């Protein structure tokens, strides 16, 4: 069961396979994982103890950052995510990034940006589309209407947290380049410019 895996110079943590979206471009639809012969489909949702056991054996000196990102949405397991991030902050010095679909508040039925900002250095939020209709067609969120607005609100909340005395220093909105045409990409850029949040094409 792959809880931790290397990609480039980063250590990635795969803590859940749960996700409220079914994005048309998702790697989960086409393969077992991102590294040859390494499946990111979990035998079961790992316990906190199982994740800690993996982390305790890792030589962090070979990495440049730690990223919460696997075959699921990390904030589906917010409690474990927060405890792992706290453990990492206390036991190593690498920056910590969260790759998220931005639906954490809907998933957990509460505001979550400030909780995440306490121990996460960078939050990368999947925008994926310039408006609600396009987003719903591309990502099919189980929350339906209101999902896109929730992502924008979460992004704005995270941006506000950057101004506070906490770990969070960077907030990014991202899109999949080959999933959008030029017009949609421009609209995404315009939206990010209006929000004052950088756009990354992945």
C-alpha atoms as a PDB file:
ATOM      1  CA  UNK A   1       0.000   0.000   0.000  1.00  0.00           C
ATOM      2  CA  UNK A   2       1.645   3.243  -1.176  1.00  0.00           C
ATOM      3  CA  UNK A   3       1.217   6.020   1.380  1.00  0.00           C
ATOM      4  CA  UNK A   4       4.388   7.908   0.432  1.00  0.00           C
ATOM      5  CA  UNK A   5       6.018   8.176  -2.978  1.00  0.00           C
ATOM      6  CA  UNK A   6       8.701  10.227  -4.692  1.00  0.00           C
ATOM      7  CA  UNK A   7       7.974  12.469  -7.660  1.00  0.00           C
ATOM      8  CA  UNK A   8      10.799  14.691  -8.828  1.00  0.00           C
ATOM      9  CA  UNK A   9      12.443  16.163  -5.738  1.00  0.00           C
ATOM     10  CA  UNK A  10       9.284  16.005  -3.629  1.00  0.00           C
ATOM     11  CA  UNK A  11       7.837  13.509  -1.187  1.00  0.00           C
ATOM     12  CA  UNK A  12       4.144  12.979  -1.912  1.00  0.00           C
ATOM     13  CA  UNK A  13       1.704  11.676   0.696  1.00  0.00           C
ATOM     14  CA  UNK A  14      -1.283   9.622  -0.439  1.00  0.00           C
ATOM     15  CA  UNK A  15      -3.597   9.543   2.590  1.00  0.00           C
ATOM     16  CA  UNK A  16      -6.963   8.796   0.946  1.00  0.00           C
ATOM     17  CA  UNK A  17      -8.678   7.623  -2.226  1.00  0.00           C
ATOM     18  CA  UNK A  18     -11.872   9.533  -1.436  1.00  0.00           C
ATOM     19  CA  UNK A  19     -12.808  12.434  -3.718  1.00  0.00           C
ATOM     20  CA  UNK A  20     -16.090  14.284  -4.350  1.00  0.00           C
ATOM     21  CA  UNK A  21     -15.218  14.922  -8.009  1.00  0.00           C
ATOM     22  CA  UNK A  22     -15.004  12.819 -11.148  1.00  0.00           C
ATOM     23  CA  UNK A  23     -12.876  15.030 -13.386  1.00  0.00           C
ATOM     24  CA  UNK A  24     -12.702  14.054 -17.032  1.00  0.00           C
ATOM     25  CA  UNK A  25      -8.904  14.489 -17.055  1.00  0.00           C
ATOM     26  CA  UNK A  26      -8.166  12.687 -13.775  1.00  0.00           C
ATOM     27  CA  UNK A  27      -5.268  10.217 -13.780  1.00  0.00           C
ATOM     28  CA  UNK A  28      -7.399   7.864 -11.709  1.00  0.00           C
ATOM     29  CA  UNK A  29      -9.407   7.122 -14.854  1.00  0.00           C
ATOM     30  CA  UNK A  30      -6.430   5.931 -16.855  1.00  0.00           C
ATOM     31  CA  UNK A  31      -3.883   4.288 -14.575  1.00  0.00           C
ATOM     32  CA  UNK A  32      -2.760   2.917 -11.236  1.00  0.00           C
ATOM     33  CA  UNK A  33      -0.412   5.751 -10.335  1.00  0.00           C
ATOM     34  CA  UNK A  34       2.222   8.214 -11.507  1.00  0.00           C
ATOM     35  CA  UNK A  35       5.289   5.970 -11.142  1.00  0.00           C
ATOM     36  CA  UNK A  36       5.741   2.767 -13.131  1.00  0.00           C
ATOM     37  CA  UNK A  37       4.669  -0.276 -11.156  1.00  0.00           C
ATOM     38  CA  UNK A  38       3.500   1.749  -8.142  1.00  0.00           C
ATOM     39  CA  UNK A  39      -0.238   1.768  -7.460  1.00  0.00           C
ATOM     40  CA  UNK A  40      -1.779   4.653  -5.543  1.00  0.00           C
ATOM     41  CA  UNK A  41      -5.012   2.748  -4.996  1.00  0.00           C
ATOM     42  CA  UNK A  42      -5.043   2.073  -1.255  1.00  0.00           C
ATOM     43  CA  UNK A  43      -6.037  -1.282   0.216  1.00  0.00           C
ATOM     44  CA  UNK A  44      -7.840   0.706   2.896  1.00  0.00           C
ATOM     45  CA  UNK A  45      -7.870   4.272   4.173  1.00  0.00           C
ATOM     46  CA  UNK A  46      -4.681   4.380   6.275  1.00  0.00           C
ATOM     47  CA  UNK A  47      -4.887   5.112   9.965  1.00  0.00           C
ATOM     48  CA  UNK A  48      -2.927   7.931  11.535  1.00  0.00           C
ATOM     49  CA  UNK A  49      -0.634   5.329  13.084  1.00  0.00           C
ATOM     50  CA  UNK A  50       0.073   3.785   9.679  1.00  0.00           C
ATOM     51  CA  UNK A  51       0.926   7.157   8.180  1.00  0.00           C
ATOM     52  CA  UNK A  52       3.167   8.053  11.117  1.00  0.00           C
ATOM     53  CA  UNK A  53       4.938   4.687  10.802  1.00  0.00           C
ATOM     54  CA  UNK A  54       5.775   5.475   7.175  1.00  0.00           C
ATOM     55  CA  UNK A  55       6.894   9.027   7.968  1.00  0.00           C
ATOM     56  CA  UNK A  56       9.144   7.847  10.803  1.00  0.00           C
ATOM     57  CA  UNK A  57      11.272   5.818   8.347  1.00  0.00           C
ATOM     58  CA  UNK A  58      11.739   8.527   5.710  1.00  0.00           C
ATOM     59  CA  UNK A  59      15.043  10.309   5.138  1.00  0.00           C
ATOM     60  CA  UNK A  60      13.746  13.807   4.473  1.00  0.00           C
ATOM     61  CA  UNK A  61      17.191  15.070   3.435  1.00  0.00           C
ATOM     62  CA  UNK A  62      16.671  13.676  -0.075  1.00  0.00           C
ATOM     63  CA  UNK A  63      13.605  15.867  -0.717  1.00  0.00           C
ATOM     64  CA  UNK A  64      12.928  19.563  -1.280  1.00  0.00           C
ATOM     65  CA  UNK A  65       9.288  19.614  -0.172  1.00  0.00           C
ATOM     66  CA  UNK A  66       6.452  17.462   1.145  1.00  0.00           C
ATOM     67  CA  UNK A  67       3.193  17.418  -0.804  1.00  0.00           C
ATOM     68  CA  UNK A  68      -0.194  16.111   0.289  1.00  0.00           C
ATOM     69  CA  UNK A  69      -1.426  14.731  -3.035  1.00  0.00           C
ATOM     70  CA  UNK A  70      -2.346  11.224  -4.120  1.00  0.00           C
ATOM     71  CA  UNK A  71      -5.282   9.349  -5.614  1.00  0.00           C
ATOM     72  CA  UNK A  72      -7.831  11.283  -3.586  1.00  0.00           C
ATOM     73  CA  UNK A  73      -8.657  14.657  -2.053  1.00  0.00           C
ATOM     74  CA  UNK A  74      -6.492  15.096   1.092  1.00  0.00           C
ATOM     75  CA  UNK A  75      -9.064  17.259   2.905  1.00  0.00           C
ATOM     76  CA  UNK A  76     -11.461  14.296   2.856  1.00  0.00           C
ATOM     77  CA  UNK A  77      -9.392  13.246   5.864  1.00  0.00           C
ATOM     78  CA  UNK A  78      -8.902  16.649   7.393  1.00  0.00           C
ATOM     79  CA  UNK A  79      -8.092  15.428  10.905  1.00  0.00           C
ATOM     80  CA  UNK A  80      -5.322  13.094   9.716  1.00  0.00           C
ATOM     81  CA  UNK A  81      -4.049  15.736   7.281  1.00  0.00           C
ATOM     82  CA  UNK A  82      -3.742  18.312  10.061  1.00  0.00           C
ATOM     83  CA  UNK A  83      -2.083  15.903  12.482  1.00  0.00           C
ATOM     84  CA  UNK A  84       0.404  14.760   9.839  1.00  0.00           C
ATOM     85  CA  UNK A  85       1.213  18.340   8.871  1.00  0.00           C
ATOM     86  CA  UNK A  86       1.789  19.203  12.521  1.00  0.00           C
ATOM     87  CA  UNK A  87       4.034  16.133  12.924  1.00  0.00           C
ATOM     88  CA  UNK A  88       6.036  17.146   9.860  1.00  0.00           C
ATOM     89  CA  UNK A  89       6.484  20.698  11.107  1.00  0.00           C
ATOM     90  CA  UNK A  90       7.783  19.411  14.406  1.00  0.00           C
ATOM     91  CA  UNK A  91      10.164  16.822  12.942  1.00  0.00           C
ATOM     92  CA  UNK A  92      11.629  18.235   9.709  1.00  0.00           C
ATOM     93  CA  UNK A  93      12.234  21.576   8.018  1.00  0.00           C
ATOM     94  CA  UNK A  94      10.922  21.048   4.482  1.00  0.00           C
ATOM     95  CA  UNK A  95       8.105  23.251   3.163  1.00  0.00           C
ATOM     96  CA  UNK A  96       4.709  21.555   3.039  1.00  0.00           C
ATOM     97  CA  UNK A  97       2.308  21.943   0.109  1.00  0.00           C
ATOM     98  CA  UNK A  98      -1.315  20.865  -0.138  1.00  0.00           C
ATOM     99  CA  UNK A  99      -2.782  20.082  -3.561  1.00  0.00           C
ATOM    100  CA  UNK A 100      -6.544  20.321  -3.167  1.00  0.00           C
ATOM    101  CA  UNK A 101      -9.728  20.601  -5.211  1.00  0.00           C
ATOM    102  CA  UNK A 102     -10.774  23.491  -2.980  1.00  0.00           C
ATOM    103  CA  UNK A 103     -13.960  21.837  -1.740  1.00  0.00           C
ATOM    104  CA  UNK A 104     -12.722  21.322   1.807  1.00  0.00           C
ATOM    105  CA  UNK A 105     -15.375  23.562   3.377  1.00  0.00           C
ATOM    106  CA  UNK A 106     -18.188  21.590   1.725  1.00  0.00           C
ATOM    107  CA  UNK A 107     -16.547  18.262   2.543  1.00  0.00           C
ATOM    108  CA  UNK A 108     -16.104  19.146   6.211  1.00  0.00           C
ATOM    109  CA  UNK A 109     -19.161  21.399   6.638  1.00  0.00           C
ATOM    110  CA  UNK A 110     -17.081  24.216   8.110  1.00  0.00           C
ATOM    111  CA  UNK A 111     -14.478  26.837   7.253  1.00  0.00           C
ATOM    112  CA  UNK A 112     -11.096  25.129   6.954  1.00  0.00           C
ATOM    113  CA  UNK A 113      -8.595  27.613   5.489  1.00  0.00           C
ATOM    114  CA  UNK A 114      -7.330  28.851   8.848  1.00  0.00           C
ATOM    115  CA  UNK A 115      -6.937  25.299  10.157  1.00  0.00           C
ATOM    116  CA  UNK A 116      -4.838  24.348   7.142  1.00  0.00           C
ATOM    117  CA  UNK A 117      -2.821  27.571   7.211  1.00  0.00           C
ATOM    118  CA  UNK A 118      -1.449  26.762  10.643  1.00  0.00           C
ATOM    119  CA  UNK A 119       0.890  24.044   9.319  1.00  0.00           C
ATOM    120  CA  UNK A 120       0.812  24.243   5.493  1.00  0.00           C
ATOM    121  CA  UNK A 121       3.249  26.519   3.618  1.00  0.00           C
ATOM    122  CA  UNK A 122       1.600  26.466   0.190  1.00  0.00           C
ATOM    123  CA  UNK A 123      -1.963  25.620  -0.862  1.00  0.00           C
ATOM    124  CA  UNK A 124      -2.482  24.829  -4.545  1.00  0.00           C
ATOM    125  CA  UNK A 125      -6.170  24.843  -5.456  1.00  0.00           C
ATOM    126  CA  UNK A 126      -7.534  23.210  -8.608  1.00  0.00           C
ATOM    127  CA  UNK A 127      -9.628  25.874 -10.317  1.00  0.00           C
ATOM    128  CA  UNK A 128      -9.930  23.864 -13.550  1.00  0.00           C
ATOM    129  CA  UNK A 129     -12.568  26.088 -15.185  1.00  0.00           C
ATOM    130  CA  UNK A 130     -13.538  29.770 -15.420  1.00  0.00           C
ATOM    131  CA  UNK A 131     -17.170  29.447 -14.271  1.00  0.00           C
ATOM    132  CA  UNK A 132     -19.622  27.200 -12.465  1.00  0.00           C
ATOM    133  CA  UNK A 133     -21.233  25.624 -15.521  1.00  0.00           C
ATOM    134  CA  UNK A 134     -17.894  24.713 -17.077  1.00  0.00           C
ATOM    135  CA  UNK A 135     -16.589  23.419 -13.761  1.00  0.00           C
ATOM    136  CA  UNK A 136     -19.597  21.173 -13.176  1.00  0.00           C
ATOM    137  CA  UNK A 137     -19.310  19.739 -16.690  1.00  0.00           C
ATOM    138  CA  UNK A 138     -15.575  19.107 -16.350  1.00  0.00           C
ATOM    139  CA  UNK A 139     -15.327  17.948 -12.731  1.00  0.00           C
ATOM    140  CA  UNK A 140     -18.804  16.584 -11.878  1.00  0.00           C
ATOM    141  CA  UNK A 141     -18.679  17.496  -8.147  1.00  0.00           C
ATOM    142  CA  UNK A 142     -21.079  15.563  -5.952  1.00  0.00           C
ATOM    143  CA  UNK A 143     -22.015  18.852  -4.259  1.00  0.00           C
ATOM    144  CA  UNK A 144     -23.432  20.158  -7.539  1.00  0.00           C
ATOM    145  CA  UNK A 145     -24.461  23.801  -7.701  1.00  0.00           C
ATOM    146  CA  UNK A 146     -22.431  25.993  -5.424  1.00  0.00           C
ATOM    147  CA  UNK A 147     -19.211  23.977  -5.761  1.00  0.00           C
ATOM    148  CA  UNK A 148     -17.418  26.545  -7.900  1.00  0.00           C
ATOM    149  CA  UNK A 149     -18.435  29.403  -5.596  1.00  0.00           C
ATOM    150  CA  UNK A 150     -17.145  27.379  -2.642  1.00  0.00           C
ATOM    151  CA  UNK A 151     -13.757  26.988  -4.353  1.00  0.00           C
ATOM    152  CA  UNK A 152     -13.484  30.721  -4.961  1.00  0.00           C
ATOM    153  CA  UNK A 153     -14.452  31.485  -1.373  1.00  0.00           C
ATOM    154  CA  UNK A 154     -11.922  28.945  -0.075  1.00  0.00           C
ATOM    155  CA  UNK A 155      -9.218  30.528  -2.244  1.00  0.00           C
ATOM    156  CA  UNK A 156     -10.067  33.989  -0.905  1.00  0.00           C
ATOM    157  CA  UNK A 157     -10.026  32.671   2.671  1.00  0.00           C
ATOM    158  CA  UNK A 158      -6.606  31.109   2.089  1.00  0.00           C
ATOM    159  CA  UNK A 159      -5.317  34.376   0.623  1.00  0.00           C
ATOM    160  CA  UNK A 160      -6.458  36.211   3.766  1.00  0.00           C
ATOM    161  CA  UNK A 161      -4.595  33.674   5.908  1.00  0.00           C
ATOM    162  CA  UNK A 162      -1.323  34.575   4.176  1.00  0.00           C
ATOM    163  CA  UNK A 163      -1.546  37.947   5.944  1.00  0.00           C
ATOM    164  CA  UNK A 164      -1.716  36.267   9.351  1.00  0.00           C
ATOM    165  CA  UNK A 165       1.060  34.954  11.572  1.00  0.00           C
ATOM    166  CA  UNK A 166       0.889  31.351  10.377  1.00  0.00           C
ATOM    167  CA  UNK A 167       2.786  28.911   8.135  1.00  0.00           C
ATOM    168  CA  UNK A 168       0.873  29.676   4.945  1.00  0.00           C
ATOM    169  CA  UNK A 169       2.874  31.895   2.590  1.00  0.00           C
ATOM    170  CA  UNK A 170       1.617  30.959  -0.909  1.00  0.00           C
ATOM    171  CA  UNK A 171      -1.780  30.318  -2.481  1.00  0.00           C
ATOM    172  CA  UNK A 172      -2.044  29.175  -6.099  1.00  0.00           C
ATOM    173  CA  UNK A 173      -4.961  28.409  -8.401  1.00  0.00           C
ATOM    174  CA  UNK A 174      -4.259  25.818 -11.083  1.00  0.00           C
ATOM    175  CA  UNK A 175      -5.754  24.444 -14.283  1.00  0.00           C
ATOM    176  CA  UNK A 176      -4.981  21.498 -16.548  1.00  0.00           C
ATOM    177  CA  UNK A 177      -3.645  22.997 -19.746  1.00  0.00           C
ATOM    178  CA  UNK A 178      -4.966  20.420 -22.210  1.00  0.00           C
ATOM    179  CA  UNK A 179      -8.450  20.448 -20.664  1.00  0.00           C
ATOM    180  CA  UNK A 180      -9.259  24.043 -21.674  1.00  0.00           C
ATOM    181  CA  UNK A 181      -9.344  25.969 -24.936  1.00  0.00           C
ATOM    182  CA  UNK A 182      -7.664  29.367 -25.335  1.00  0.00           C
ATOM    183  CA  UNK A 183     -10.800  31.331 -24.479  1.00  0.00           C
ATOM    184  CA  UNK A 184     -11.431  29.379 -21.278  1.00  0.00           C
ATOM    185  CA  UNK A 185      -7.782  29.699 -20.307  1.00  0.00           C
ATOM    186  CA  UNK A 186      -7.940  33.472 -20.746  1.00  0.00           C
ATOM    187  CA  UNK A 187     -11.080  33.638 -18.585  1.00  0.00           C
ATOM    188  CA  UNK A 188      -9.301  31.643 -15.884  1.00  0.00           C
ATOM    189  CA  UNK A 189      -6.378  34.038 -16.021  1.00  0.00           C
ATOM    190  CA  UNK A 190      -8.713  37.035 -15.820  1.00  0.00           C
ATOM    191  CA  UNK A 191     -10.462  35.502 -12.807  1.00  0.00           C
ATOM    192  CA  UNK A 192      -7.173  34.828 -11.029  1.00  0.00           C
ATOM    193  CA  UNK A 193      -5.994  38.360 -11.782  1.00  0.00           C
ATOM    194  CA  UNK A 194      -9.195  39.728 -10.259  1.00  0.00           C
ATOM    195  CA  UNK A 195      -8.689  37.561  -7.161  1.00  0.00           C
ATOM    196  CA  UNK A 196      -5.030  38.526  -6.901  1.00  0.00           C
ATOM    197  CA  UNK A 197      -3.976  34.865  -6.850  1.00  0.00           C
ATOM    198  CA  UNK A 198      -1.382  33.407  -9.270  1.00  0.00           C
ATOM    199  CA  UNK A 199      -2.511  30.899 -11.908  1.00  0.00           C
ATOM    200  CA  UNK A 200      -0.418  27.807 -12.636  1.00  0.00           C
ATOM    201  CA  UNK A 201      -0.960  25.595 -15.672  1.00  0.00           C
ATOM    202  CA  UNK A 202      -0.239  21.965 -14.862  1.00  0.00           C
END
